[in-house]
């Protein structure tokens, strides 16, 4: 099953998902509030896409959503 998902989801989006999750875990660890993990992932994803846009790239909403999804999923897992 996981190999099928890995082939359907581009590697770039997977990296954004995992990065959002890692950011959320670190934020939850230091802040002890689960919502802070989600907000940190959202903020990091937005900043990353703004950097991309300002350095000649473009703002990719799907990269932003993948980062945000990782933050949400990992924050919920820690919360449970």
C-alpha atoms as a PDB file:
ATOM      1  CA  UNK A   1       0.000   0.000   0.000  1.00  0.00           C
ATOM      2  CA  UNK A   2       2.711   2.486   0.956  1.00  0.00           C
ATOM      3  CA  UNK A   3       4.628   1.863  -2.230  1.00  0.00           C
ATOM      4  CA  UNK A   4       1.509   2.758  -4.220  1.00  0.00           C
ATOM      5  CA  UNK A   5       1.113   6.011  -2.288  1.00  0.00           C
ATOM      6  CA  UNK A   6       4.807   6.766  -2.743  1.00  0.00           C
ATOM      7  CA  UNK A   7       4.449   6.467  -6.499  1.00  0.00           C
ATOM      8  CA  UNK A   8       1.271   8.555  -6.659  1.00  0.00           C
ATOM      9  CA  UNK A   9       2.475  11.460  -4.524  1.00  0.00           C
ATOM     10  CA  UNK A  10       5.442  13.386  -5.961  1.00  0.00           C
ATOM     11  CA  UNK A  11       8.633  13.278  -3.915  1.00  0.00           C
ATOM     12  CA  UNK A  12       8.534  17.072  -3.518  1.00  0.00           C
ATOM     13  CA  UNK A  13       5.132  16.914  -1.814  1.00  0.00           C
ATOM     14  CA  UNK A  14       6.275  14.047   0.395  1.00  0.00           C
ATOM     15  CA  UNK A  15       9.251  16.133   1.516  1.00  0.00           C
ATOM     16  CA  UNK A  16       6.960  19.059   2.362  1.00  0.00           C
ATOM     17  CA  UNK A  17       4.668  16.733   4.325  1.00  0.00           C
ATOM     18  CA  UNK A  18       7.531  15.319   6.387  1.00  0.00           C
ATOM     19  CA  UNK A  19       9.060  18.759   6.931  1.00  0.00           C
ATOM     20  CA  UNK A  20       5.731  20.084   8.216  1.00  0.00           C
ATOM     21  CA  UNK A  21       5.468  17.106  10.526  1.00  0.00           C
ATOM     22  CA  UNK A  22       8.971  17.588  11.912  1.00  0.00           C
ATOM     23  CA  UNK A  23       8.385  21.288  12.454  1.00  0.00           C
ATOM     24  CA  UNK A  24       5.145  20.524  14.280  1.00  0.00           C
ATOM     25  CA  UNK A  25       6.816  17.930  16.508  1.00  0.00           C
ATOM     26  CA  UNK A  26       9.552  20.330  17.534  1.00  0.00           C
ATOM     27  CA  UNK A  27       7.052  23.128  18.191  1.00  0.00           C
ATOM     28  CA  UNK A  28       4.774  20.866  20.241  1.00  0.00           C
ATOM     29  CA  UNK A  29       7.747  19.600  22.229  1.00  0.00           C
ATOM     30  CA  UNK A  30       8.870  23.091  23.218  1.00  0.00           C
ATOM     31  CA  UNK A  31       5.490  24.789  23.550  1.00  0.00           C
ATOM     32  CA  UNK A  32       3.467  21.843  24.940  1.00  0.00           C
ATOM     33  CA  UNK A  33       0.468  23.101  22.953  1.00  0.00           C
ATOM     34  CA  UNK A  34      -0.722  21.119  19.960  1.00  0.00           C
ATOM     35  CA  UNK A  35      -2.148  24.108  18.132  1.00  0.00           C
ATOM     36  CA  UNK A  36       1.327  25.674  18.195  1.00  0.00           C
ATOM     37  CA  UNK A  37       2.593  22.731  16.147  1.00  0.00           C
ATOM     38  CA  UNK A  38      -0.029  23.321  13.472  1.00  0.00           C
ATOM     39  CA  UNK A  39       0.585  27.063  13.442  1.00  0.00           C
ATOM     40  CA  UNK A  40       4.352  26.569  13.222  1.00  0.00           C
ATOM     41  CA  UNK A  41       3.965  24.262  10.220  1.00  0.00           C
ATOM     42  CA  UNK A  42       1.590  26.702   8.526  1.00  0.00           C
ATOM     43  CA  UNK A  43       3.963  29.596   9.154  1.00  0.00           C
ATOM     44  CA  UNK A  44       7.007  27.640   7.938  1.00  0.00           C
ATOM     45  CA  UNK A  45       5.203  26.500   4.795  1.00  0.00           C
ATOM     46  CA  UNK A  46       4.076  30.021   3.993  1.00  0.00           C
ATOM     47  CA  UNK A  47       7.533  31.486   4.581  1.00  0.00           C
ATOM     48  CA  UNK A  48       9.139  28.799   2.411  1.00  0.00           C
ATOM     49  CA  UNK A  49       6.761  29.506  -0.464  1.00  0.00           C
ATOM     50  CA  UNK A  50       7.286  33.254  -0.142  1.00  0.00           C
ATOM     51  CA  UNK A  51      11.044  32.705  -0.297  1.00  0.00           C
ATOM     52  CA  UNK A  52      10.541  30.604  -3.423  1.00  0.00           C
ATOM     53  CA  UNK A  53       8.434  33.350  -4.981  1.00  0.00           C
ATOM     54  CA  UNK A  54      10.937  36.081  -4.144  1.00  0.00           C
ATOM     55  CA  UNK A  55      13.902  34.138  -5.505  1.00  0.00           C
ATOM     56  CA  UNK A  56      12.565  33.602  -8.996  1.00  0.00           C
ATOM     57  CA  UNK A  57      10.238  30.670  -8.375  1.00  0.00           C
ATOM     58  CA  UNK A  58       6.531  30.679  -7.781  1.00  0.00           C
ATOM     59  CA  UNK A  59       4.218  30.199  -4.830  1.00  0.00           C
ATOM     60  CA  UNK A  60       3.034  26.584  -5.060  1.00  0.00           C
ATOM     61  CA  UNK A  61      -0.192  26.189  -3.067  1.00  0.00           C
ATOM     62  CA  UNK A  62       0.150  22.394  -3.147  1.00  0.00           C
ATOM     63  CA  UNK A  63       3.567  22.585  -1.463  1.00  0.00           C
ATOM     64  CA  UNK A  64       2.036  24.850   1.156  1.00  0.00           C
ATOM     65  CA  UNK A  65      -0.886  22.467   1.689  1.00  0.00           C
ATOM     66  CA  UNK A  66       1.452  19.471   1.973  1.00  0.00           C
ATOM     67  CA  UNK A  67       3.490  21.238   4.660  1.00  0.00           C
ATOM     68  CA  UNK A  68       0.313  22.211   6.487  1.00  0.00           C
ATOM     69  CA  UNK A  69      -1.075  18.659   6.238  1.00  0.00           C
ATOM     70  CA  UNK A  70       2.101  17.233   7.753  1.00  0.00           C
ATOM     71  CA  UNK A  71       1.848  19.656  10.653  1.00  0.00           C
ATOM     72  CA  UNK A  72      -1.790  18.786  11.253  1.00  0.00           C
ATOM     73  CA  UNK A  73      -1.288  15.022  11.041  1.00  0.00           C
ATOM     74  CA  UNK A  74       1.723  14.949  13.334  1.00  0.00           C
ATOM     75  CA  UNK A  75       0.133  17.314  15.863  1.00  0.00           C
ATOM     76  CA  UNK A  76      -2.980  15.136  16.016  1.00  0.00           C
ATOM     77  CA  UNK A  77      -0.878  11.986  16.430  1.00  0.00           C
ATOM     78  CA  UNK A  78       0.996  13.543  19.353  1.00  0.00           C
ATOM     79  CA  UNK A  79      -2.281  14.795  20.809  1.00  0.00           C
ATOM     80  CA  UNK A  80      -3.793  11.297  20.727  1.00  0.00           C
END
